[in-house]
Amino acid sequence: DERELAQRNRAYFSAFKYLVMMTILGGLVPELVAKLFKFELSVGLMKNYMLLMFTTALVLPGAMLAWADKPTD
């Protein structure tokens, strides 16, 4: 029904906002650290970060729906 559709869309949009934030921080923070401290992250670490973002994109909407649907006392 419409309520479930609204909840699903809200969960997907919240996950999308989180992923956009992770993407922006993943691009800006390493660049800032490299400029300030003359330090650079390895390619392997950035690959792991991208894998984290990908798996988060798969799991986060379902987790948000399950968390919103938990029984209340």
N, C-alpha and C. Protein backbone atom coordinates (compact mmCIF):
# COMPACT_ATOMS: atom_id res chain seq x y z
N ASP A 1 0.82 -1.19 0.00
CA ASP A 1 0.00 0.00 0.00
C ASP A 1 0.87 1.26 0.00
N GLU A 2 0.24 2.40 0.07
CA GLU A 2 0.97 3.67 -0.04
C GLU A 2 1.90 3.94 1.13
N ARG A 3 1.52 3.48 2.32
CA ARG A 3 2.37 3.70 3.49
C ARG A 3 3.68 2.92 3.35
N GLU A 4 3.59 1.68 2.92
CA GLU A 4 4.80 0.87 2.72
C GLU A 4 5.67 1.44 1.61
N LEU A 5 5.04 1.92 0.55
CA LEU A 5 5.80 2.54 -0.53
C LEU A 5 6.52 3.80 -0.05
N ALA A 6 5.84 4.60 0.77
CA ALA A 6 6.46 5.81 1.31
C ALA A 6 7.63 5.45 2.23
N GLN A 7 7.47 4.41 3.05
CA GLN A 7 8.56 3.98 3.93
C GLN A 7 9.75 3.49 3.13
N ARG A 8 9.48 2.72 2.08
CA ARG A 8 10.57 2.20 1.25
C ARG A 8 11.31 3.33 0.55
N ASN A 9 10.55 4.29 0.00
CA ASN A 9 11.19 5.42 -0.67
C ASN A 9 12.00 6.26 0.31
N ARG A 10 11.50 6.43 1.53
CA ARG A 10 12.22 7.18 2.55
C ARG A 10 13.53 6.47 2.92
N ALA A 11 13.48 5.14 3.02
CA ALA A 11 14.69 4.37 3.34
C ALA A 11 15.71 4.48 2.21
N TYR A 12 15.26 4.37 0.97
CA TYR A 12 16.19 4.49 -0.16
C TYR A 12 16.79 5.89 -0.25
N PHE A 13 15.98 6.91 0.00
CA PHE A 13 16.49 8.28 -0.08
C PHE A 13 17.47 8.56 1.07
N SER A 14 17.17 8.05 2.26
CA SER A 14 18.10 8.23 3.38
C SER A 14 19.42 7.52 3.11
N ALA A 15 19.35 6.32 2.54
CA ALA A 15 20.58 5.61 2.20
C ALA A 15 21.34 6.36 1.11
N PHE A 16 20.64 6.93 0.16
CA PHE A 16 21.29 7.70 -0.90
C PHE A 16 22.01 8.91 -0.33
N LYS A 17 21.37 9.63 0.60
CA LYS A 17 22.02 10.79 1.22
C LYS A 17 23.27 10.37 1.98
N TYR A 18 23.21 9.24 2.68
CA TYR A 18 24.37 8.74 3.41
C TYR A 18 25.50 8.40 2.45
N LEU A 19 25.17 7.76 1.33
CA LEU A 19 26.20 7.38 0.37
C LEU A 19 26.82 8.60 -0.32
N VAL A 20 26.02 9.62 -0.59
CA VAL A 20 26.57 10.85 -1.17
C VAL A 20 27.54 11.49 -0.18
N MET A 21 27.16 11.49 1.10
CA MET A 21 28.05 12.05 2.11
C MET A 21 29.35 11.25 2.19
N MET A 22 29.25 9.90 2.14
CA MET A 22 30.45 9.06 2.17
C MET A 22 31.33 9.32 0.95
N THR A 23 30.71 9.53 -0.21
CA THR A 23 31.47 9.78 -1.43
C THR A 23 32.20 11.11 -1.36
N ILE A 24 31.50 12.13 -0.91
CA ILE A 24 32.12 13.46 -0.81
C ILE A 24 33.26 13.44 0.21
N LEU A 25 33.01 12.85 1.37
CA LEU A 25 34.07 12.78 2.38
C LEU A 25 35.23 11.91 1.91
N GLY A 26 34.93 10.84 1.19
CA GLY A 26 35.98 9.98 0.68
C GLY A 26 36.84 10.65 -0.37
N GLY A 27 36.30 11.66 -1.04
CA GLY A 27 37.08 12.40 -2.02
C GLY A 27 37.80 13.59 -1.45
N LEU A 28 37.18 14.26 -0.49
CA LEU A 28 37.75 15.49 0.05
C LEU A 28 38.73 15.27 1.20
N VAL A 29 38.41 14.39 2.10
CA VAL A 29 39.23 14.21 3.29
C VAL A 29 40.63 13.70 2.93
N PRO A 30 40.77 12.66 2.10
CA PRO A 30 42.14 12.24 1.75
C PRO A 30 42.94 13.34 1.05
N GLU A 31 42.27 14.12 0.22
CA GLU A 31 42.95 15.22 -0.47
C GLU A 31 43.41 16.27 0.54
N LEU A 32 42.56 16.59 1.51
CA LEU A 32 42.91 17.56 2.55
C LEU A 32 44.06 17.04 3.41
N VAL A 33 44.01 15.77 3.79
CA VAL A 33 45.07 15.18 4.59
C VAL A 33 46.39 15.20 3.82
N ALA A 34 46.32 14.89 2.53
CA ALA A 34 47.53 14.88 1.71
C ALA A 34 48.15 16.27 1.62
N LYS A 35 47.33 17.30 1.52
CA LYS A 35 47.85 18.67 1.43
C LYS A 35 48.42 19.15 2.76
N LEU A 36 47.73 18.85 3.85
CA LEU A 36 48.15 19.37 5.15
C LEU A 36 49.35 18.62 5.74
N PHE A 37 49.35 17.31 5.65
CA PHE A 37 50.36 16.52 6.35
C PHE A 37 51.34 15.81 5.43
N LYS A 38 51.28 16.12 4.13
CA LYS A 38 52.17 15.46 3.16
C LYS A 38 52.05 13.93 3.27
N PHE A 39 50.80 13.47 3.36
CA PHE A 39 50.50 12.06 3.56
C PHE A 39 49.48 11.64 2.51
N GLU A 40 49.68 10.48 1.93
CA GLU A 40 48.74 10.01 0.92
C GLU A 40 48.27 8.61 1.27
N LEU A 41 47.01 8.35 0.98
CA LEU A 41 46.45 7.03 1.22
C LEU A 41 46.81 6.10 0.07
N SER A 42 46.95 4.84 0.38
CA SER A 42 47.31 3.86 -0.64
C SER A 42 46.08 3.54 -1.50
N VAL A 43 46.35 2.98 -2.67
CA VAL A 43 45.28 2.59 -3.58
C VAL A 43 44.46 1.47 -2.95
N GLY A 44 45.11 0.57 -2.23
CA GLY A 44 44.39 -0.53 -1.57
C GLY A 44 43.40 -0.03 -0.54
N LEU A 45 43.78 0.99 0.20
CA LEU A 45 42.87 1.55 1.20
C LEU A 45 41.67 2.22 0.54
N MET A 46 41.90 2.90 -0.57
CA MET A 46 40.78 3.53 -1.29
C MET A 46 39.88 2.47 -1.92
N LYS A 47 40.46 1.35 -2.37
CA LYS A 47 39.64 0.25 -2.89
C LYS A 47 38.75 -0.31 -1.80
N ASN A 48 39.31 -0.47 -0.61
CA ASN A 48 38.52 -0.96 0.52
C ASN A 48 37.40 0.02 0.86
N TYR A 49 37.67 1.31 0.79
CA TYR A 49 36.65 2.31 1.07
C TYR A 49 35.53 2.24 0.03
N MET A 50 35.90 2.05 -1.24
CA MET A 50 34.87 1.93 -2.28
C MET A 50 34.06 0.65 -2.10
N LEU A 51 34.69 -0.43 -1.66
CA LEU A 51 33.96 -1.66 -1.37
C LEU A 51 33.00 -1.46 -0.22
N LEU A 52 33.43 -0.72 0.79
CA LEU A 52 32.56 -0.39 1.91
C LEU A 52 31.35 0.40 1.44
N MET A 53 31.56 1.37 0.56
CA MET A 53 30.43 2.16 0.05
C MET A 53 29.48 1.28 -0.75
N PHE A 54 30.00 0.38 -1.56
CA PHE A 54 29.16 -0.50 -2.37
C PHE A 54 28.32 -1.42 -1.50
N THR A 55 28.95 -2.07 -0.50
CA THR A 55 28.19 -2.97 0.36
C THR A 55 27.19 -2.20 1.22
N THR A 56 27.55 -1.00 1.63
CA THR A 56 26.61 -0.18 2.37
C THR A 56 25.39 0.16 1.51
N ALA A 57 25.61 0.43 0.23
CA ALA A 57 24.51 0.75 -0.67
C ALA A 57 23.56 -0.43 -0.80
N LEU A 58 24.08 -1.65 -0.71
CA LEU A 58 23.23 -2.82 -0.82
C LEU A 58 22.46 -3.11 0.46
N VAL A 59 23.09 -2.90 1.60
CA VAL A 59 22.52 -3.34 2.87
C VAL A 59 21.72 -2.25 3.57
N LEU A 60 22.10 -1.00 3.43
CA LEU A 60 21.53 0.08 4.24
C LEU A 60 20.02 0.27 4.06
N PRO A 61 19.45 0.27 2.86
CA PRO A 61 17.99 0.46 2.78
C PRO A 61 17.20 -0.62 3.52
N GLY A 62 17.60 -1.87 3.37
CA GLY A 62 16.92 -2.96 4.09
C GLY A 62 17.08 -2.85 5.59
N ALA A 63 18.27 -2.45 6.02
CA ALA A 63 18.51 -2.28 7.46
C ALA A 63 17.67 -1.15 8.02
N MET A 64 17.52 -0.07 7.26
CA MET A 64 16.69 1.05 7.73
C MET A 64 15.22 0.64 7.82
N LEU A 65 14.75 -0.14 6.85
CA LEU A 65 13.37 -0.62 6.89
C LEU A 65 13.15 -1.56 8.07
N ALA A 66 14.11 -2.46 8.31
CA ALA A 66 13.98 -3.38 9.43
C ALA A 66 14.02 -2.64 10.77
N TRP A 67 14.86 -1.61 10.85
CA TRP A 67 14.96 -0.84 12.10
C TRP A 67 13.66 -0.06 12.34
N ALA A 68 13.07 0.48 11.29
CA ALA A 68 11.83 1.22 11.45
C ALA A 68 10.65 0.30 11.78
N ASP A 69 10.76 -0.97 11.41
CA ASP A 69 9.66 -1.92 11.61
C ASP A 69 9.77 -2.71 12.91
N LYS A 70 10.79 -2.43 13.73
CA LYS A 70 10.97 -3.19 14.96
C LYS A 70 9.80 -2.93 15.91
N PRO A 71 9.42 -3.96 16.66
CA PRO A 71 8.29 -3.79 17.57
C PRO A 71 8.63 -2.85 18.73
N THR A 72 7.65 -2.08 19.13
CA THR A 72 7.84 -1.17 20.26
C THR A 72 7.13 -1.74 21.48
N ASP A 73 7.69 -1.49 22.64
CA ASP A 73 7.10 -2.01 23.89
C ASP A 73 6.06 -1.07 24.41
